[in-house]
């Protein structure tokens, strides 16, 4: 299991478009991926669950991956979140 803590820099937060792109990326991996933030823990492969978190700019989120491709998964998803504008 690998986890990474990030601060969301995107001024619009994790709204519909980036949340959809994030879940599509997550779905490509075999690992179980969990997103934690604002006191909620959700399946990162579910667009509805990610949207219910309501993560806004400046808020912390944690990505947890557990499985055969967890290292690559964390790298790709961390990169995606860090590059959101």
PDB file of N, CA and C in Angstrom:
ATOM      1  N   UNK A   1       0.843  -1.183   0.000  1.00  0.00           N
ATOM      2  CA  UNK A   1       0.000   0.000   0.000  1.00  0.00           C
ATOM      3  C   UNK A   1       0.886   1.244   0.000  1.00  0.00           C
ATOM      4  N   UNK A   2       0.522   2.186  -0.845  1.00  0.00           N
ATOM      5  CA  UNK A   2       1.246   3.452  -0.943  1.00  0.00           C
ATOM      6  C   UNK A   2       0.226   4.575  -0.833  1.00  0.00           C
ATOM      7  N   UNK A   3       0.610   5.626  -0.136  1.00  0.00           N
ATOM      8  CA  UNK A   3      -0.278   6.790  -0.086  1.00  0.00           C
ATOM      9  C   UNK A   3       0.528   8.068  -0.241  1.00  0.00           C
ATOM     10  N   UNK A   4      -0.156   9.080  -0.769  1.00  0.00           N
ATOM     11  CA  UNK A   4       0.469  10.377  -0.966  1.00  0.00           C
ATOM     12  C   UNK A   4      -0.541  11.457  -0.557  1.00  0.00           C
ATOM     13  N   UNK A   5      -0.042  12.458   0.171  1.00  0.00           N
ATOM     14  CA  UNK A   5      -0.875  13.593   0.582  1.00  0.00           C
ATOM     15  C   UNK A   5      -0.580  14.771  -0.327  1.00  0.00           C
ATOM     16  N   UNK A   6      -1.637  15.417  -0.788  1.00  0.00           N
ATOM     17  CA  UNK A   6      -1.506  16.544  -1.704  1.00  0.00           C
ATOM     18  C   UNK A   6      -2.408  17.688  -1.279  1.00  0.00           C
ATOM     19  N   UNK A   7      -2.062  18.883  -1.699  1.00  0.00           N
ATOM     20  CA  UNK A   7      -2.926  20.051  -1.534  1.00  0.00           C
ATOM     21  C   UNK A   7      -3.420  20.424  -2.925  1.00  0.00           C
ATOM     22  N   UNK A   8      -4.731  20.524  -3.076  1.00  0.00           N
ATOM     23  CA  UNK A   8      -5.311  20.838  -4.384  1.00  0.00           C
ATOM     24  C   UNK A   8      -5.092  22.317  -4.695  1.00  0.00           C
ATOM     25  N   UNK A   9      -4.408  22.588  -5.798  1.00  0.00           N
ATOM     26  CA  UNK A   9      -4.092  23.962  -6.177  1.00  0.00           C
ATOM     27  C   UNK A   9      -5.093  24.549  -7.169  1.00  0.00           C
ATOM     28  N   UNK A  10      -5.841  23.704  -7.857  1.00  0.00           N
ATOM     29  CA  UNK A  10      -6.785  24.178  -8.876  1.00  0.00           C
ATOM     30  C   UNK A  10      -7.802  25.128  -8.252  1.00  0.00           C
ATOM     31  N   UNK A  11      -7.912  26.338  -8.809  1.00  0.00           N
ATOM     32  CA  UNK A  11      -8.791  27.357  -8.224  1.00  0.00           C
ATOM     33  C   UNK A  11     -10.264  26.967  -8.245  1.00  0.00           C
ATOM     34  N   UNK A  12     -10.644  26.059  -9.119  1.00  0.00           N
ATOM     35  CA  UNK A  12     -12.045  25.616  -9.182  1.00  0.00           C
ATOM     36  C   UNK A  12     -12.286  24.340  -8.381  1.00  0.00           C
ATOM     37  N   UNK A  13     -11.244  23.811  -7.768  1.00  0.00           N
ATOM     38  CA  UNK A  13     -11.385  22.586  -7.000  1.00  0.00           C
ATOM     39  C   UNK A  13     -11.472  21.368  -7.904  1.00  0.00           C
ATOM     40  N   UNK A  14     -11.875  20.259  -7.326  1.00  0.00           N
ATOM     41  CA  UNK A  14     -11.997  19.015  -8.081  1.00  0.00           C
ATOM     42  C   UNK A  14     -13.425  18.928  -8.604  1.00  0.00           C
ATOM     43  N   UNK A  15     -13.729  19.812  -9.564  1.00  0.00           N
ATOM     44  CA  UNK A  15     -15.085  19.893 -10.128  1.00  0.00           C
ATOM     45  C   UNK A  15     -15.280  18.821 -11.190  1.00  0.00           C
ATOM     46  N   UNK A  16     -16.392  18.840 -11.894  1.00  0.00           N
ATOM     47  CA  UNK A  16     -16.816  17.745 -12.770  1.00  0.00           C
ATOM     48  C   UNK A  16     -15.783  17.296 -13.802  1.00  0.00           C
ATOM     49  N   UNK A  17     -15.227  18.202 -14.577  1.00  0.00           N
ATOM     50  CA  UNK A  17     -14.306  17.789 -15.635  1.00  0.00           C
ATOM     51  C   UNK A  17     -13.041  17.130 -15.086  1.00  0.00           C
ATOM     52  N   UNK A  18     -12.319  17.789 -14.168  1.00  0.00           N
ATOM     53  CA  UNK A  18     -11.117  17.116 -13.663  1.00  0.00           C
ATOM     54  C   UNK A  18     -11.439  15.861 -12.849  1.00  0.00           C
ATOM     55  N   UNK A  19     -12.571  15.835 -12.179  1.00  0.00           N
ATOM     56  CA  UNK A  19     -12.954  14.630 -11.439  1.00  0.00           C
ATOM     57  C   UNK A  19     -13.198  13.476 -12.405  1.00  0.00           C
ATOM     58  N   UNK A  20     -13.835  13.763 -13.526  1.00  0.00           N
ATOM     59  CA  UNK A  20     -14.075  12.728 -14.541  1.00  0.00           C
ATOM     60  C   UNK A  20     -12.757  12.228 -15.118  1.00  0.00           C
ATOM     61  N   UNK A  21     -11.854  13.142 -15.417  1.00  0.00           N
ATOM     62  CA  UNK A  21     -10.548  12.754 -15.956  1.00  0.00           C
ATOM     63  C   UNK A  21      -9.757  11.939 -14.931  1.00  0.00           C
ATOM     64  N   UNK A  22      -9.846  12.346 -13.667  1.00  0.00           N
ATOM     65  CA  UNK A  22      -9.149  11.636 -12.592  1.00  0.00           C
ATOM     66  C   UNK A  22      -9.666  10.202 -12.470  1.00  0.00           C
ATOM     67  N   UNK A  23     -10.973  10.028 -12.474  1.00  0.00           N
ATOM     68  CA  UNK A  23     -11.542   8.684 -12.326  1.00  0.00           C
ATOM     69  C   UNK A  23     -11.247   7.813 -13.552  1.00  0.00           C
ATOM     70  N   UNK A  24     -11.190   8.420 -14.735  1.00  0.00           N
ATOM     71  CA  UNK A  24     -10.825   7.651 -15.932  1.00  0.00           C
ATOM     72  C   UNK A  24      -9.385   7.153 -15.828  1.00  0.00           C
ATOM     73  N   UNK A  25      -8.500   8.006 -15.339  1.00  0.00           N
ATOM     74  CA  UNK A  25      -7.112   7.588 -15.130  1.00  0.00           C
ATOM     75  C   UNK A  25      -7.040   6.468 -14.094  1.00  0.00           C
ATOM     76  N   UNK A  26      -7.754   6.652 -12.996  1.00  0.00           N
ATOM     77  CA  UNK A  26      -7.749   5.658 -11.921  1.00  0.00           C
ATOM     78  C   UNK A  26      -8.260   4.306 -12.408  1.00  0.00           C
ATOM     79  N   UNK A  27      -9.262   4.324 -13.272  1.00  0.00           N
ATOM     80  CA  UNK A  27      -9.874   3.085 -13.767  1.00  0.00           C
ATOM     81  C   UNK A  27      -8.918   2.253 -14.617  1.00  0.00           C
ATOM     82  N   UNK A  28      -7.848   2.852 -15.091  1.00  0.00           N
ATOM     83  CA  UNK A  28      -6.886   2.139 -15.923  1.00  0.00           C
ATOM     84  C   UNK A  28      -5.985   1.201 -15.113  1.00  0.00           C
ATOM     85  N   UNK A  29      -5.999   1.368 -13.797  1.00  0.00           N
ATOM     86  CA  UNK A  29      -5.114   0.586 -12.938  1.00  0.00           C
ATOM     87  C   UNK A  29      -5.862  -0.559 -12.267  1.00  0.00           C
ATOM     88  N   UNK A  30      -5.140  -1.647 -12.020  1.00  0.00           N
ATOM     89  CA  UNK A  30      -5.720  -2.810 -11.351  1.00  0.00           C
ATOM     90  C   UNK A  30      -5.816  -2.603  -9.842  1.00  0.00           C
ATOM     91  N   UNK A  31      -4.974  -1.742  -9.304  1.00  0.00           N
ATOM     92  CA  UNK A  31      -4.941  -1.506  -7.866  1.00  0.00           C
ATOM     93  C   UNK A  31      -6.250  -0.911  -7.359  1.00  0.00           C
ATOM     94  N   UNK A  32      -6.529  -1.180  -6.098  1.00  0.00           N
ATOM     95  CA  UNK A  32      -7.642  -0.516  -5.418  1.00  0.00           C
ATOM     96  C   UNK A  32      -7.151   0.893  -5.086  1.00  0.00           C
ATOM     97  N   UNK A  33      -7.923   1.910  -5.473  1.00  0.00           N
ATOM     98  CA  UNK A  33      -7.509   3.290  -5.256  1.00  0.00           C
ATOM     99  C   UNK A  33      -8.572   4.005  -4.436  1.00  0.00           C
ATOM    100  N   UNK A  34      -8.125   4.618  -3.359  1.00  0.00           N
ATOM    101  CA  UNK A  34      -9.018   5.320  -2.453  1.00  0.00           C
ATOM    102  C   UNK A  34      -8.590   6.775  -2.377  1.00  0.00           C
ATOM    103  N   UNK A  35      -9.569   7.657  -2.312  1.00  0.00           N
ATOM    104  CA  UNK A  35      -9.324   9.084  -2.164  1.00  0.00           C
ATOM    105  C   UNK A  35      -9.893   9.506  -0.810  1.00  0.00           C
ATOM    106  N   UNK A  36      -9.082  10.208  -0.027  1.00  0.00           N
ATOM    107  CA  UNK A  36      -9.490  10.637   1.303  1.00  0.00           C
ATOM    108  C   UNK A  36      -9.379  12.149   1.390  1.00  0.00           C
ATOM    109  N   UNK A  37     -10.428  12.784   1.901  1.00  0.00           N
ATOM    110  CA  UNK A  37     -10.410  14.229   2.084  1.00  0.00           C
ATOM    111  C   UNK A  37     -11.688  14.709   2.738  1.00  0.00           C
ATOM    112  N   UNK A  38     -11.582  15.778   3.494  1.00  0.00           N
ATOM    113  CA  UNK A  38     -12.747  16.389   4.157  1.00  0.00           C
ATOM    114  C   UNK A  38     -13.531  15.373   4.989  1.00  0.00           C
ATOM    115  N   UNK A  39     -12.814  14.437   5.600  1.00  0.00           N
ATOM    116  CA  UNK A  39     -13.452  13.455   6.465  1.00  0.00           C
ATOM    117  C   UNK A  39     -14.164  12.333   5.732  1.00  0.00           C
ATOM    118  N   UNK A  40     -13.968  12.248   4.422  1.00  0.00           N
ATOM    119  CA  UNK A  40     -14.614  11.204   3.625  1.00  0.00           C
ATOM    120  C   UNK A  40     -13.550  10.314   2.996  1.00  0.00           C
ATOM    121  N   UNK A  41     -13.908   9.057   2.818  1.00  0.00           N
ATOM    122  CA  UNK A  41     -13.063   8.093   2.129  1.00  0.00           C
ATOM    123  C   UNK A  41     -13.900   7.471   1.034  1.00  0.00           C
ATOM    124  N   UNK A  42     -13.439   7.608  -0.223  1.00  0.00           N
ATOM    125  CA  UNK A  42     -14.241   7.139  -1.356  1.00  0.00           C
ATOM    126  C   UNK A  42     -13.401   6.341  -2.344  1.00  0.00           C
ATOM    127  N   UNK A  43     -14.092   5.583  -3.177  1.00  0.00           N
ATOM    128  CA  UNK A  43     -13.481   4.845  -4.278  1.00  0.00           C
ATOM    129  C   UNK A  43     -13.094   5.852  -5.359  1.00  0.00           C
ATOM    130  N   UNK A  44     -11.810   5.946  -5.662  1.00  0.00           N
ATOM    131  CA  UNK A  44     -11.322   6.937  -6.629  1.00  0.00           C
ATOM    132  C   UNK A  44     -11.705   6.607  -8.066  1.00  0.00           C
ATOM    133  N   UNK A  45     -12.291   5.450  -8.284  1.00  0.00           N
ATOM    134  CA  UNK A  45     -12.714   5.065  -9.632  1.00  0.00           C
ATOM    135  C   UNK A  45     -14.181   5.411  -9.883  1.00  0.00           C
ATOM    136  N   UNK A  46     -14.836   5.998  -8.894  1.00  0.00           N
ATOM    137  CA  UNK A  46     -16.249   6.364  -9.008  1.00  0.00           C
ATOM    138  C   UNK A  46     -16.408   7.875  -9.106  1.00  0.00           C
ATOM    139  N   UNK A  47     -16.851   8.353 -10.258  1.00  0.00           N
ATOM    140  CA  UNK A  47     -17.027   9.792 -10.463  1.00  0.00           C
ATOM    141  C   UNK A  47     -18.000  10.381  -9.444  1.00  0.00           C
ATOM    142  N   UNK A  48     -19.082   9.693  -9.169  1.00  0.00           N
ATOM    143  CA  UNK A  48     -20.067  10.218  -8.212  1.00  0.00           C
ATOM    144  C   UNK A  48     -19.478  10.348  -6.818  1.00  0.00           C
ATOM    145  N   UNK A  49     -18.710   9.350  -6.414  1.00  0.00           N
ATOM    146  CA  UNK A  49     -18.106   9.397  -5.080  1.00  0.00           C
ATOM    147  C   UNK A  49     -17.081  10.530  -4.981  1.00  0.00           C
ATOM    148  N   UNK A  50     -16.274  10.698  -6.024  1.00  0.00           N
ATOM    149  CA  UNK A  50     -15.265  11.765  -6.019  1.00  0.00           C
ATOM    150  C   UNK A  50     -15.941  13.130  -5.979  1.00  0.00           C
ATOM    151  N   UNK A  51     -17.006  13.303  -6.739  1.00  0.00           N
ATOM    152  CA  UNK A  51     -17.710  14.584  -6.747  1.00  0.00           C
ATOM    153  C   UNK A  51     -18.359  14.901  -5.400  1.00  0.00           C
ATOM    154  N   UNK A  52     -18.830  13.876  -4.685  1.00  0.00           N
ATOM    155  CA  UNK A  52     -19.482  14.126  -3.384  1.00  0.00           C
ATOM    156  C   UNK A  52     -18.502  14.654  -2.340  1.00  0.00           C
ATOM    157  N   UNK A  53     -17.216  14.486  -2.594  1.00  0.00           N
ATOM    158  CA  UNK A  53     -16.225  14.976  -1.636  1.00  0.00           C
ATOM    159  C   UNK A  53     -16.186  16.502  -1.594  1.00  0.00           C
ATOM    160  N   UNK A  54     -16.414  17.134  -2.726  1.00  0.00           N
ATOM    161  CA  UNK A  54     -16.402  18.593  -2.777  1.00  0.00           C
ATOM    162  C   UNK A  54     -15.057  19.204  -2.420  1.00  0.00           C
ATOM    163  N   UNK A  55     -13.976  18.632  -2.908  1.00  0.00           N
ATOM    164  CA  UNK A  55     -12.631  19.137  -2.606  1.00  0.00           C
ATOM    165  C   UNK A  55     -12.419  20.469  -3.318  1.00  0.00           C
ATOM    166  N   UNK A  56     -12.035  21.479  -2.542  1.00  0.00           N
ATOM    167  CA  UNK A  56     -11.824  22.828  -3.076  1.00  0.00           C
ATOM    168  C   UNK A  56     -10.345  23.188  -3.022  1.00  0.00           C
ATOM    169  N   UNK A  57     -10.028  24.301  -3.672  1.00  0.00           N
ATOM    170  CA  UNK A  57      -8.648  24.791  -3.703  1.00  0.00           C
ATOM    171  C   UNK A  57      -8.106  24.942  -2.283  1.00  0.00           C
ATOM    172  N   UNK A  58      -6.867  24.502  -2.108  1.00  0.00           N
ATOM    173  CA  UNK A  58      -6.196  24.631  -0.823  1.00  0.00           C
ATOM    174  C   UNK A  58      -6.496  23.521   0.163  1.00  0.00           C
ATOM    175  N   UNK A  59      -7.388  22.610  -0.189  1.00  0.00           N
ATOM    176  CA  UNK A  59      -7.727  21.527   0.716  1.00  0.00           C
ATOM    177  C   UNK A  59      -6.838  20.315   0.455  1.00  0.00           C
ATOM    178  N   UNK A  60      -6.613  19.551   1.504  1.00  0.00           N
ATOM    179  CA  UNK A  60      -5.754  18.371   1.404  1.00  0.00           C
ATOM    180  C   UNK A  60      -6.558  17.161   0.961  1.00  0.00           C
ATOM    181  N   UNK A  61      -5.926  16.338   0.144  1.00  0.00           N
ATOM    182  CA  UNK A  61      -6.501  15.051  -0.207  1.00  0.00           C
ATOM    183  C   UNK A  61      -5.386  14.025  -0.196  1.00  0.00           C
ATOM    184  N   UNK A  62      -5.763  12.797   0.080  1.00  0.00           N
ATOM    185  CA  UNK A  62      -4.817  11.690   0.133  1.00  0.00           C
ATOM    186  C   UNK A  62      -5.243  10.646  -0.881  1.00  0.00           C
ATOM    187  N   UNK A  63      -4.296  10.192  -1.670  1.00  0.00           N
ATOM    188  CA  UNK A  63      -4.543   9.103  -2.623  1.00  0.00           C
ATOM    189  C   UNK A  63      -3.861   7.868  -2.053  1.00  0.00           C
ATOM    190  N   UNK A  64      -4.619   6.788  -1.949  1.00  0.00           N
ATOM    191  CA  UNK A  64      -4.083   5.522  -1.446  1.00  0.00           C
ATOM    192  C   UNK A  64      -4.271   4.470  -2.529  1.00  0.00           C
ATOM    193  N   UNK A  65      -3.199   3.775  -2.855  1.00  0.00           N
ATOM    194  CA  UNK A  65      -3.267   2.705  -3.859  1.00  0.00           C
ATOM    195  C   UNK A  65      -2.723   1.425  -3.254  1.00  0.00           C
ATOM    196  N   UNK A  66      -3.425   0.333  -3.543  1.00  0.00           N
ATOM    197  CA  UNK A  66      -2.990  -0.966  -3.049  1.00  0.00           C
ATOM    198  C   UNK A  66      -3.222  -2.007  -4.131  1.00  0.00           C
ATOM    199  N   UNK A  67      -2.144  -2.577  -4.613  1.00  0.00           N
ATOM    200  CA  UNK A  67      -2.273  -3.593  -5.653  1.00  0.00           C
ATOM    201  C   UNK A  67      -1.024  -3.730  -6.486  1.00  0.00           C
ATOM    202  N   UNK A  68      -1.119  -4.488  -7.571  1.00  0.00           N
ATOM    203  CA  UNK A  68       0.061  -4.834  -8.364  1.00  0.00           C
ATOM    204  C   UNK A  68       0.720  -3.665  -9.090  1.00  0.00           C
ATOM    205  N   UNK A  69      -0.034  -2.611  -9.375  1.00  0.00           N
ATOM    206  CA  UNK A  69       0.536  -1.466 -10.099  1.00  0.00           C
ATOM    207  C   UNK A  69       0.459  -0.177  -9.272  1.00  0.00           C
ATOM    208  N   UNK A  70       0.525  -0.339  -7.945  1.00  0.00           N
ATOM    209  CA  UNK A  70       0.340   0.798  -7.038  1.00  0.00           C
ATOM    210  C   UNK A  70       1.372   1.908  -7.207  1.00  0.00           C
ATOM    211  N   UNK A  71       2.614   1.558  -7.504  1.00  0.00           N
ATOM    212  CA  UNK A  71       3.664   2.574  -7.646  1.00  0.00           C
ATOM    213  C   UNK A  71       3.381   3.465  -8.849  1.00  0.00           C
ATOM    214  N   UNK A  72       3.137   2.858  -9.992  1.00  0.00           N
ATOM    215  CA  UNK A  72       2.826   3.634 -11.194  1.00  0.00           C
ATOM    216  C   UNK A  72       1.536   4.428 -11.005  1.00  0.00           C
ATOM    217  N   UNK A  73       0.570   3.813 -10.383  1.00  0.00           N
ATOM    218  CA  UNK A  73      -0.720   4.452 -10.136  1.00  0.00           C
ATOM    219  C   UNK A  73      -0.553   5.746  -9.339  1.00  0.00           C
ATOM    220  N   UNK A  74       0.169   5.671  -8.240  1.00  0.00           N
ATOM    221  CA  UNK A  74       0.378   6.862  -7.394  1.00  0.00           C
ATOM    222  C   UNK A  74       1.111   7.947  -8.178  1.00  0.00           C
ATOM    223  N   UNK A  75       2.114   7.570  -8.943  1.00  0.00           N
ATOM    224  CA  UNK A  75       2.875   8.555  -9.716  1.00  0.00           C
ATOM    225  C   UNK A  75       1.988   9.274 -10.727  1.00  0.00           C
ATOM    226  N   UNK A  76       1.180   8.523 -11.451  1.00  0.00           N
ATOM    227  CA  UNK A  76       0.320   9.106 -12.486  1.00  0.00           C
ATOM    228  C   UNK A  76      -0.756  10.003 -11.867  1.00  0.00           C
ATOM    229  N   UNK A  77      -1.406   9.533 -10.811  1.00  0.00           N
ATOM    230  CA  UNK A  77      -2.485  10.314 -10.206  1.00  0.00           C
ATOM    231  C   UNK A  77      -1.948  11.549  -9.478  1.00  0.00           C
ATOM    232  N   UNK A  78      -0.804  11.420  -8.829  1.00  0.00           N
ATOM    233  CA  UNK A  78      -0.184  12.579  -8.169  1.00  0.00           C
ATOM    234  C   UNK A  78       0.175  13.642  -9.212  1.00  0.00           C
ATOM    235  N   UNK A  79       0.758  13.216 -10.302  1.00  0.00           N
ATOM    236  CA  UNK A  79       1.118  14.115 -11.390  1.00  0.00           C
ATOM    237  C   UNK A  79      -0.122  14.835 -11.929  1.00  0.00           C
ATOM    238  N   UNK A  80      -1.203  14.102 -12.095  1.00  0.00           N
ATOM    239  CA  UNK A  80      -2.447  14.689 -12.591  1.00  0.00           C
ATOM    240  C   UNK A  80      -2.950  15.789 -11.652  1.00  0.00           C
ATOM    241  N   UNK A  81      -3.017  15.499 -10.364  1.00  0.00           N
ATOM    242  CA  UNK A  81      -3.499  16.476  -9.386  1.00  0.00           C
ATOM    243  C   UNK A  81      -2.573  17.691  -9.328  1.00  0.00           C
ATOM    244  N   UNK A  82      -1.277  17.467  -9.347  1.00  0.00           N
ATOM    245  CA  UNK A  82      -0.316  18.572  -9.260  1.00  0.00           C
ATOM    246  C   UNK A  82      -0.355  19.486 -10.483  1.00  0.00           C
ATOM    247  N   UNK A  83      -0.769  18.959 -11.631  1.00  0.00           N
ATOM    248  CA  UNK A  83      -0.796  19.769 -12.851  1.00  0.00           C
ATOM    249  C   UNK A  83      -2.151  20.413 -13.140  1.00  0.00           C
ATOM    250  N   UNK A  84      -3.138  20.179 -12.294  1.00  0.00           N
ATOM    251  CA  UNK A  84      -4.449  20.838 -12.502  1.00  0.00           C
ATOM    252  C   UNK A  84      -4.288  22.340 -12.377  1.00  0.00           C
ATOM    253  N   UNK A  85      -4.862  23.070 -13.293  1.00  0.00           N
ATOM    254  CA  UNK A  85      -4.801  24.550 -13.244  1.00  0.00           C
ATOM    255  C   UNK A  85      -6.146  25.123 -12.928  1.00  0.00           C
TER     256      UNK A  85
END
